Amino acid sequence: CWKDCRATAERAGHAPSDAALGHARGLLTDAQSSLTASMLRDLQQGHPIEADHVIGDMLARSGHAPGDGSMLAVAYAHLKAYEAGRARRQTN
């Protein structure tokens, strides 16, 4: 997923610098970090998420298709399944 997102940013003319990538990787892999993604917090609390606005948009820009097996497609499928389950629970 990291490689897909980086390649997508590069194709769009927004190549992250090595320093920015190193900083981001450090934050994302620090086991002692108290930082969490807002979408993760929303998932954990059963709140609505922005699957289409965040991962769906990145997937569309990446050139991958939903269901093609890329990590972005897998992440998107998981988030859409969460949204569908949440919608079912809300109607019951």
PDB file of N, CA and C in Angstrom:
ATOM      1  N   CYS A   1       0.827  -1.177   0.000  1.00  0.00           N
ATOM      2  CA  CYS A   1       0.000   0.000   0.000  1.00  0.00           C
ATOM      3  C   CYS A   1       0.884   1.258   0.000  1.00  0.00           C
ATOM      4  N   TRP A   2       1.963   1.220   0.786  1.00  0.00           N
ATOM      5  CA  TRP A   2       2.909   2.346   0.843  1.00  0.00           C
ATOM      6  C   TRP A   2       3.438   2.654  -0.555  1.00  0.00           C
ATOM      7  N   LYS A   3       3.857   1.606  -1.262  1.00  0.00           N
ATOM      8  CA  LYS A   3       4.411   1.792  -2.609  1.00  0.00           C
ATOM      9  C   LYS A   3       3.353   2.315  -3.575  1.00  0.00           C
ATOM     10  N   ASP A   4       2.130   1.789  -3.481  1.00  0.00           N
ATOM     11  CA  ASP A   4       1.048   2.257  -4.348  1.00  0.00           C
ATOM     12  C   ASP A   4       0.769   3.738  -4.118  1.00  0.00           C
ATOM     13  N   CYS A   5       0.702   4.138  -2.864  1.00  0.00           N
ATOM     14  CA  CYS A   5       0.406   5.538  -2.541  1.00  0.00           C
ATOM     15  C   CYS A   5       1.539   6.452  -2.989  1.00  0.00           C
ATOM     16  N   ARG A   6       2.773   6.008  -2.775  1.00  0.00           N
ATOM     17  CA  ARG A   6       3.920   6.813  -3.203  1.00  0.00           C
ATOM     18  C   ARG A   6       3.922   6.968  -4.729  1.00  0.00           C
ATOM     19  N   ALA A   7       3.716   5.874  -5.444  1.00  0.00           N
ATOM     20  CA  ALA A   7       3.711   5.920  -6.910  1.00  0.00           C
ATOM     21  C   ALA A   7       2.577   6.801  -7.427  1.00  0.00           C
ATOM     22  N   THR A   8       1.426   6.746  -6.768  1.00  0.00           N
ATOM     23  CA  THR A   8       0.292   7.579  -7.166  1.00  0.00           C
ATOM     24  C   THR A   8       0.618   9.052  -6.981  1.00  0.00           C
ATOM     25  N   ALA A   9       1.221   9.393  -5.849  1.00  0.00           N
ATOM     26  CA  ALA A   9       1.617  10.786  -5.594  1.00  0.00           C
ATOM     27  C   ALA A   9       2.642  11.249  -6.624  1.00  0.00           C
ATOM     28  N   GLU A  10       3.592  10.389  -6.950  1.00  0.00           N
ATOM     29  CA  GLU A  10       4.620  10.747  -7.935  1.00  0.00           C
ATOM     30  C   GLU A  10       4.005  11.001  -9.307  1.00  0.00           C
ATOM     31  N   ARG A  11       3.074  10.129  -9.737  1.00  0.00           N
ATOM     32  CA  ARG A  11       2.420  10.307 -11.035  1.00  0.00           C
ATOM     33  C   ARG A  11       1.610  11.601 -11.091  1.00  0.00           C
ATOM     34  N   ALA A  12       1.119  12.030  -9.937  1.00  0.00           N
ATOM     35  CA  ALA A  12       0.319  13.260  -9.879  1.00  0.00           C
ATOM     36  C   ALA A  12       1.197  14.505  -9.737  1.00  0.00           C
ATOM     37  N   GLY A  13       2.524  14.306  -9.750  1.00  0.00           N
ATOM     38  CA  GLY A  13       3.430  15.437  -9.642  1.00  0.00           C
ATOM     39  C   GLY A  13       3.700  15.892  -8.225  1.00  0.00           C
ATOM     40  N   HIS A  14       3.429  15.026  -7.256  1.00  0.00           N
ATOM     41  CA  HIS A  14       3.630  15.362  -5.850  1.00  0.00           C
ATOM     42  C   HIS A  14       4.552  14.343  -5.184  1.00  0.00           C
ATOM     43  N   ALA A  15       5.693  14.118  -5.782  1.00  0.00           N
ATOM     44  CA  ALA A  15       6.629  13.127  -5.244  1.00  0.00           C
ATOM     45  C   ALA A  15       7.114  13.569  -3.866  1.00  0.00           C
ATOM     46  N   PRO A  16       6.919  12.724  -2.850  1.00  0.00           N
ATOM     47  CA  PRO A  16       7.413  13.076  -1.522  1.00  0.00           C
ATOM     48  C   PRO A  16       8.937  12.987  -1.486  1.00  0.00           C
ATOM     49  N   SER A  17       9.545  13.888  -0.737  1.00  0.00           N
ATOM     50  CA  SER A  17      11.004  13.860  -0.610  1.00  0.00           C
ATOM     51  C   SER A  17      11.416  12.669   0.244  1.00  0.00           C
ATOM     52  N   ASP A  18      12.676  12.290   0.140  1.00  0.00           N
ATOM     53  CA  ASP A  18      13.188  11.201   0.974  1.00  0.00           C
ATOM     54  C   ASP A  18      13.045  11.548   2.450  1.00  0.00           C
ATOM     55  N   ALA A  19      13.258  12.826   2.790  1.00  0.00           N
ATOM     56  CA  ALA A  19      13.125  13.256   4.187  1.00  0.00           C
ATOM     57  C   ALA A  19      11.683  13.093   4.668  1.00  0.00           C
ATOM     58  N   ALA A  20      10.729  13.488   3.825  1.00  0.00           N
ATOM     59  CA  ALA A  20       9.317  13.355   4.201  1.00  0.00           C
ATOM     60  C   ALA A  20       8.930  11.889   4.353  1.00  0.00           C
ATOM     61  N   LEU A  21       9.410  11.051   3.439  1.00  0.00           N
ATOM     62  CA  LEU A  21       9.120   9.621   3.533  1.00  0.00           C
ATOM     63  C   LEU A  21       9.720   9.016   4.791  1.00  0.00           C
ATOM     64  N   GLY A  22      10.954   9.398   5.100  1.00  0.00           N
ATOM     65  CA  GLY A  22      11.598   8.887   6.309  1.00  0.00           C
ATOM     66  C   GLY A  22      10.861   9.315   7.561  1.00  0.00           C
ATOM     67  N   HIS A  23      10.436  10.566   7.596  1.00  0.00           N
ATOM     68  CA  HIS A  23       9.690  11.074   8.751  1.00  0.00           C
ATOM     69  C   HIS A  23       8.366  10.321   8.904  1.00  0.00           C
ATOM     70  N   ALA A  24       7.646  10.165   7.802  1.00  0.00           N
ATOM     71  CA  ALA A  24       6.361   9.466   7.849  1.00  0.00           C
ATOM     72  C   ALA A  24       6.541   8.013   8.268  1.00  0.00           C
ATOM     73  N   ARG A  25       7.534   7.352   7.699  1.00  0.00           N
ATOM     74  CA  ARG A  25       7.770   5.949   8.057  1.00  0.00           C
ATOM     75  C   ARG A  25       8.101   5.826   9.543  1.00  0.00           C
ATOM     76  N   GLY A  26       8.893   6.761  10.049  1.00  0.00           N
ATOM     77  CA  GLY A  26       9.225   6.749  11.471  1.00  0.00           C
ATOM     78  C   GLY A  26       7.994   6.895  12.350  1.00  0.00           C
ATOM     79  N   LEU A  27       7.115   7.816  11.997  1.00  0.00           N
ATOM     80  CA  LEU A  27       5.884   8.010  12.769  1.00  0.00           C
ATOM     81  C   LEU A  27       4.977   6.791  12.705  1.00  0.00           C
ATOM     82  N   LEU A  28       4.868   6.209  11.521  1.00  0.00           N
ATOM     83  CA  LEU A  28       3.939   5.100  11.325  1.00  0.00           C
ATOM     84  C   LEU A  28       4.414   3.783  11.918  1.00  0.00           C
ATOM     85  N   THR A  29       5.708   3.653  12.130  1.00  0.00           N
ATOM     86  CA  THR A  29       6.237   2.376  12.629  1.00  0.00           C
ATOM     87  C   THR A  29       6.725   2.449  14.070  1.00  0.00           C
ATOM     88  N   ASP A  30       6.582   3.587  14.724  1.00  0.00           N
ATOM     89  CA  ASP A  30       7.028   3.741  16.113  1.00  0.00           C
ATOM     90  C   ASP A  30       6.025   3.071  17.046  1.00  0.00           C
ATOM     91  N   ALA A  31       6.421   1.950  17.623  1.00  0.00           N
ATOM     92  CA  ALA A  31       5.527   1.197  18.502  1.00  0.00           C
ATOM     93  C   ALA A  31       5.137   1.991  19.747  1.00  0.00           C
ATOM     94  N   GLN A  32       5.920   2.981  20.118  1.00  0.00           N
ATOM     95  CA  GLN A  32       5.642   3.785  21.307  1.00  0.00           C
ATOM     96  C   GLN A  32       4.800   5.028  20.998  1.00  0.00           C
ATOM     97  N   SER A  33       4.515   5.254  19.742  1.00  0.00           N
ATOM     98  CA  SER A  33       3.778   6.453  19.346  1.00  0.00           C
ATOM     99  C   SER A  33       2.338   6.402  19.840  1.00  0.00           C
ATOM    100  N   SER A  34       1.838   7.544  20.259  1.00  0.00           N
ATOM    101  CA  SER A  34       0.434   7.641  20.675  1.00  0.00           C
ATOM    102  C   SER A  34      -0.450   8.133  19.524  1.00  0.00           C
ATOM    103  N   LEU A  35       0.157   8.385  18.360  1.00  0.00           N
ATOM    104  CA  LEU A  35      -0.606   8.850  17.205  1.00  0.00           C
ATOM    105  C   LEU A  35      -1.438   7.714  16.614  1.00  0.00           C
ATOM    106  N   THR A  36      -2.661   8.020  16.246  1.00  0.00           N
ATOM    107  CA  THR A  36      -3.500   7.069  15.515  1.00  0.00           C
ATOM    108  C   THR A  36      -4.234   7.833  14.418  1.00  0.00           C
ATOM    109  N   ALA A  37      -4.515   7.154  13.359  1.00  0.00           N
ATOM    110  CA  ALA A  37      -5.259   7.770  12.263  1.00  0.00           C
ATOM    111  C   ALA A  37      -6.705   7.993  12.692  1.00  0.00           C
ATOM    112  N   SER A  38      -7.280   9.089  12.251  1.00  0.00           N
ATOM    113  CA  SER A  38      -8.670   9.383  12.623  1.00  0.00           C
ATOM    114  C   SER A  38      -9.616   8.296  12.109  1.00  0.00           C
ATOM    115  N   MET A  39      -9.321   7.724  10.929  1.00  0.00           N
ATOM    116  CA  MET A  39     -10.183   6.668  10.418  1.00  0.00           C
ATOM    117  C   MET A  39     -10.103   5.428  11.306  1.00  0.00           C
ATOM    118  N   LEU A  40      -8.928   5.122  11.834  1.00  0.00           N
ATOM    119  CA  LEU A  40      -8.803   3.987  12.747  1.00  0.00           C
ATOM    120  C   LEU A  40      -9.638   4.228  13.998  1.00  0.00           C
ATOM    121  N   ARG A  41      -9.555   5.429  14.552  1.00  0.00           N
ATOM    122  CA  ARG A  41     -10.369   5.737  15.735  1.00  0.00           C
ATOM    123  C   ARG A  41     -11.857   5.592  15.416  1.00  0.00           C
ATOM    124  N   ASP A  42     -12.268   6.065  14.241  1.00  0.00           N
ATOM    125  CA  ASP A  42     -13.675   5.937  13.848  1.00  0.00           C
ATOM    126  C   ASP A  42     -14.078   4.472  13.706  1.00  0.00           C
ATOM    127  N   LEU A  43     -13.227   3.665  13.096  1.00  0.00           N
ATOM    128  CA  LEU A  43     -13.510   2.230  12.959  1.00  0.00           C
ATOM    129  C   LEU A  43     -13.653   1.574  14.324  1.00  0.00           C
ATOM    130  N   GLN A  44     -12.743   1.877  15.223  1.00  0.00           N
ATOM    131  CA  GLN A  44     -12.759   1.267  16.546  1.00  0.00           C
ATOM    132  C   GLN A  44     -14.000   1.647  17.342  1.00  0.00           C
ATOM    133  N   GLN A  45     -14.538   2.826  17.074  1.00  0.00           N
ATOM    134  CA  GLN A  45     -15.697   3.314  17.820  1.00  0.00           C
ATOM    135  C   GLN A  45     -17.016   3.104  17.080  1.00  0.00           C
ATOM    136  N   GLY A  46     -16.959   2.453  15.917  1.00  0.00           N
ATOM    137  CA  GLY A  46     -18.170   2.182  15.159  1.00  0.00           C
ATOM    138  C   GLY A  46     -18.773   3.405  14.494  1.00  0.00           C
ATOM    139  N   HIS A  47     -17.968   4.420  14.276  1.00  0.00           N
ATOM    140  CA  HIS A  47     -18.440   5.666  13.666  1.00  0.00           C
ATOM    141  C   HIS A  47     -18.379   5.597  12.143  1.00  0.00           C
ATOM    142  N   PRO A  48     -19.027   6.541  11.476  1.00  0.00           N
ATOM    143  CA  PRO A  48     -18.919   6.606  10.015  1.00  0.00           C
ATOM    144  C   PRO A  48     -17.469   6.875   9.600  1.00  0.00           C
ATOM    145  N   ILE A  49     -17.107   6.402   8.431  1.00  0.00           N
ATOM    146  CA  ILE A  49     -15.763   6.636   7.896  1.00  0.00           C
ATOM    147  C   ILE A  49     -15.889   7.235   6.499  1.00  0.00           C
ATOM    148  N   GLU A  50     -14.785   7.691   5.968  1.00  0.00           N
ATOM    149  CA  GLU A  50     -14.774   8.308   4.638  1.00  0.00           C
ATOM    150  C   GLU A  50     -14.006   7.421   3.655  1.00  0.00           C
ATOM    151  N   ALA A  51     -14.486   6.201   3.484  1.00  0.00           N
ATOM    152  CA  ALA A  51     -13.797   5.239   2.617  1.00  0.00           C
ATOM    153  C   ALA A  51     -13.652   5.761   1.194  1.00  0.00           C
ATOM    154  N   ASP A  52     -14.719   6.324   0.646  1.00  0.00           N
ATOM    155  CA  ASP A  52     -14.670   6.809  -0.739  1.00  0.00           C
ATOM    156  C   ASP A  52     -13.787   8.040  -0.870  1.00  0.00           C
ATOM    157  N   HIS A  53     -13.851   8.932   0.105  1.00  0.00           N
ATOM    158  CA  HIS A  53     -13.108  10.186   0.029  1.00  0.00           C
ATOM    159  C   HIS A  53     -11.607  10.006   0.222  1.00  0.00           C
ATOM    160  N   VAL A  54     -11.213   9.010   0.968  1.00  0.00           N
ATOM    161  CA  VAL A  54      -9.790   8.827   1.270  1.00  0.00           C
ATOM    162  C   VAL A  54      -9.210   7.689   0.426  1.00  0.00           C
ATOM    163  N   ILE A  55      -9.557   6.467   0.741  1.00  0.00           N
ATOM    164  CA  ILE A  55      -8.970   5.307   0.064  1.00  0.00           C
ATOM    165  C   ILE A  55      -9.555   5.138  -1.338  1.00  0.00           C
ATOM    166  N   GLY A  56     -10.848   5.361  -1.497  1.00  0.00           N
ATOM    167  CA  GLY A  56     -11.458   5.254  -2.821  1.00  0.00           C
ATOM    168  C   GLY A  56     -10.855   6.236  -3.811  1.00  0.00           C
ATOM    169  N   ASP A  57     -10.618   7.464  -3.360  1.00  0.00           N
ATOM    170  CA  ASP A  57     -10.001   8.466  -4.229  1.00  0.00           C
ATOM    171  C   ASP A  57      -8.575   8.059  -4.601  1.00  0.00           C
ATOM    172  N   MET A  58      -7.810   7.600  -3.613  1.00  0.00           N
ATOM    173  CA  MET A  58      -6.436   7.172  -3.887  1.00  0.00           C
ATOM    174  C   MET A  58      -6.435   5.976  -4.840  1.00  0.00           C
ATOM    175  N   LEU A  59      -7.376   5.059  -4.644  1.00  0.00           N
ATOM    176  CA  LEU A  59      -7.483   3.894  -5.530  1.00  0.00           C
ATOM    177  C   LEU A  59      -7.782   4.339  -6.962  1.00  0.00           C
ATOM    178  N   ALA A  60      -8.711   5.265  -7.121  1.00  0.00           N
ATOM    179  CA  ALA A  60      -9.053   5.756  -8.460  1.00  0.00           C
ATOM    180  C   ALA A  60      -7.855   6.428  -9.122  1.00  0.00           C
ATOM    181  N   ARG A  61      -7.118   7.204  -8.352  1.00  0.00           N
ATOM    182  CA  ARG A  61      -5.959   7.907  -8.900  1.00  0.00           C
ATOM    183  C   ARG A  61      -4.790   6.959  -9.187  1.00  0.00           C
ATOM    184  N   SER A  62      -4.762   5.812  -8.506  1.00  0.00           N
ATOM    185  CA  SER A  62      -3.640   4.882  -8.642  1.00  0.00           C
ATOM    186  C   SER A  62      -3.651   4.128  -9.967  1.00  0.00           C
ATOM    187  N   GLY A  63      -4.816   4.032 -10.585  1.00  0.00           N
ATOM    188  CA  GLY A  63      -4.930   3.235 -11.798  1.00  0.00           C
ATOM    189  C   GLY A  63      -5.309   1.796 -11.509  1.00  0.00           C
ATOM    190  N   HIS A  64      -5.345   1.423 -10.230  1.00  0.00           N
ATOM    191  CA  HIS A  64      -5.795   0.082  -9.863  1.00  0.00           C
ATOM    192  C   HIS A  64      -7.318   0.055  -9.889  1.00  0.00           C
ATOM    193  N   ALA A  65      -7.872  -1.120 -10.051  1.00  0.00           N
ATOM    194  CA  ALA A  65      -9.324  -1.280 -10.052  1.00  0.00           C
ATOM    195  C   ALA A  65      -9.750  -2.005  -8.787  1.00  0.00           C
ATOM    196  N   PRO A  66     -10.936  -1.673  -8.259  1.00  0.00           N
ATOM    197  CA  PRO A  66     -11.428  -2.450  -7.121  1.00  0.00           C
ATOM    198  C   PRO A  66     -11.442  -3.930  -7.497  1.00  0.00           C
ATOM    199  N   GLY A  67     -10.935  -4.759  -6.626  1.00  0.00           N
ATOM    200  CA  GLY A  67     -10.914  -6.193  -6.870  1.00  0.00           C
ATOM    201  C   GLY A  67      -9.695  -6.696  -7.601  1.00  0.00           C
ATOM    202  N   ASP A  68      -8.722  -5.826  -7.900  1.00  0.00           N
ATOM    203  CA  ASP A  68      -7.545  -6.284  -8.650  1.00  0.00           C
ATOM    204  C   ASP A  68      -6.466  -6.907  -7.761  1.00  0.00           C
ATOM    205  N   GLY A  69      -6.679  -6.918  -6.459  1.00  0.00           N
ATOM    206  CA  GLY A  69      -5.722  -7.556  -5.562  1.00  0.00           C
ATOM    207  C   GLY A  69      -4.651  -6.633  -5.021  1.00  0.00           C
ATOM    208  N   SER A  70      -4.600  -5.379  -5.484  1.00  0.00           N
ATOM    209  CA  SER A  70      -3.619  -4.449  -4.918  1.00  0.00           C
ATOM    210  C   SER A  70      -3.988  -4.168  -3.466  1.00  0.00           C
ATOM    211  N   MET A  71      -3.027  -3.739  -2.680  1.00  0.00           N
ATOM    212  CA  MET A  71      -3.305  -3.452  -1.277  1.00  0.00           C
ATOM    213  C   MET A  71      -4.314  -2.318  -1.131  1.00  0.00           C
ATOM    214  N   LEU A  72      -4.277  -1.334  -2.017  1.00  0.00           N
ATOM    215  CA  LEU A  72      -5.290  -0.277  -1.967  1.00  0.00           C
ATOM    216  C   LEU A  72      -6.681  -0.855  -2.213  1.00  0.00           C
ATOM    217  N   ALA A  73      -6.793  -1.765  -3.172  1.00  0.00           N
ATOM    218  CA  ALA A  73      -8.088  -2.384  -3.467  1.00  0.00           C
ATOM    219  C   ALA A  73      -8.566  -3.229  -2.295  1.00  0.00           C
ATOM    220  N   VAL A  74      -7.654  -3.945  -1.659  1.00  0.00           N
ATOM    221  CA  VAL A  74      -8.011  -4.767  -0.498  1.00  0.00           C
ATOM    222  C   VAL A  74      -8.470  -3.871   0.654  1.00  0.00           C
ATOM    223  N   ALA A  75      -7.733  -2.797   0.916  1.00  0.00           N
ATOM    224  CA  ALA A  75      -8.110  -1.865   1.985  1.00  0.00           C
ATOM    225  C   ALA A  75      -9.481  -1.255   1.698  1.00  0.00           C
ATOM    226  N   TYR A  76      -9.708  -0.869   0.451  1.00  0.00           N
ATOM    227  CA  TYR A  76     -10.985  -0.268   0.071  1.00  0.00           C
ATOM    228  C   TYR A  76     -12.130  -1.268   0.258  1.00  0.00           C
ATOM    229  N   ALA A  77     -11.920  -2.504  -0.157  1.00  0.00           N
ATOM    230  CA  ALA A  77     -12.952  -3.536   0.005  1.00  0.00           C
ATOM    231  C   ALA A  77     -13.280  -3.736   1.479  1.00  0.00           C
ATOM    232  N   HIS A  78     -12.264  -3.748   2.323  1.00  0.00           N
ATOM    233  CA  HIS A  78     -12.478  -3.911   3.761  1.00  0.00           C
ATOM    234  C   HIS A  78     -13.313  -2.750   4.311  1.00  0.00           C
ATOM    235  N   LEU A  79     -12.963  -1.532   3.921  1.00  0.00           N
ATOM    236  CA  LEU A  79     -13.686  -0.364   4.418  1.00  0.00           C
ATOM    237  C   LEU A  79     -15.128  -0.335   3.917  1.00  0.00           C
ATOM    238  N   LYS A  80     -15.350  -0.755   2.676  1.00  0.00           N
ATOM    239  CA  LYS A  80     -16.714  -0.800   2.150  1.00  0.00           C
ATOM    240  C   LYS A  80     -17.530  -1.879   2.862  1.00  0.00           C
ATOM    241  N   ALA A  81     -16.899  -2.993   3.223  1.00  0.00           N
ATOM    242  CA  ALA A  81     -17.589  -4.035   3.986  1.00  0.00           C
ATOM    243  C   ALA A  81     -17.974  -3.504   5.366  1.00  0.00           C
ATOM    244  N   TYR A  82     -17.075  -2.752   5.993  1.00  0.00           N
ATOM    245  CA  TYR A  82     -17.374  -2.127   7.283  1.00  0.00           C
ATOM    246  C   TYR A  82     -18.584  -1.197   7.138  1.00  0.00           C
ATOM    247  N   GLU A  83     -18.574  -0.348   6.093  1.00  0.00           N
ATOM    248  CA  GLU A  83     -19.683   0.586   5.892  1.00  0.00           C
ATOM    249  C   GLU A  83     -21.006  -0.153   5.677  1.00  0.00           C
ATOM    250  N   ALA A  84     -20.980  -1.228   4.907  1.00  0.00           N
ATOM    251  CA  ALA A  84     -22.201  -2.001   4.655  1.00  0.00           C
ATOM    252  C   ALA A  84     -22.715  -2.634   5.943  1.00  0.00           C
ATOM    253  N   GLY A  85     -21.818  -3.196   6.735  1.00  0.00           N
ATOM    254  CA  GLY A  85     -22.213  -3.786   8.010  1.00  0.00           C
ATOM    255  C   GLY A  85     -22.773  -2.746   8.964  1.00  0.00           C
ATOM    256  N   ARG A  86     -22.145  -1.594   8.987  1.00  0.00           N
ATOM    257  CA  ARG A  86     -22.610  -0.506   9.849  1.00  0.00           C
ATOM    258  C   ARG A  86     -23.999  -0.051   9.414  1.00  0.00           C
ATOM    259  N   ALA A  87     -24.226   0.058   8.114  1.00  0.00           N
ATOM    260  CA  ALA A  87     -25.537   0.470   7.601  1.00  0.00           C
ATOM    261  C   ALA A  87     -26.611  -0.554   7.967  1.00  0.00           C
ATOM    262  N   ARG A  88     -26.285  -1.850   7.875  1.00  0.00           N
ATOM    263  CA  ARG A  88     -27.246  -2.895   8.252  1.00  0.00           C
ATOM    264  C   ARG A  88     -27.602  -2.790   9.729  1.00  0.00           C
ATOM    265  N   ARG A  89     -26.600  -2.578  10.563  1.00  0.00           N
ATOM    266  CA  ARG A  89     -26.855  -2.477  12.009  1.00  0.00           C
ATOM    267  C   ARG A  89     -27.706  -1.252  12.334  1.00  0.00           C
ATOM    268  N   GLN A  90     -27.540  -0.183  11.585  1.00  0.00           N
ATOM    269  CA  GLN A  90     -28.294   1.048  11.838  1.00  0.00           C
ATOM    270  C   GLN A  90     -29.770   0.886  11.476  1.00  0.00           C
ATOM    271  N   THR A  91     -30.080   0.007  10.519  1.00  0.00           N
ATOM    272  CA  THR A  91     -31.473  -0.167  10.099  1.00  0.00           C
ATOM    273  C   THR A  91     -32.201  -1.203  10.945  1.00  0.00           C
ATOM    274  N   ASN A  92     -31.475  -1.966  11.738  1.00  0.00           N
ATOM    275  CA  ASN A  92     -32.111  -3.005  12.583  1.00  0.00           C
ATOM    276  C   ASN A  92     -32.415  -2.481  13.955  1.00  0.00           C
TER     277      ASN A  92
END
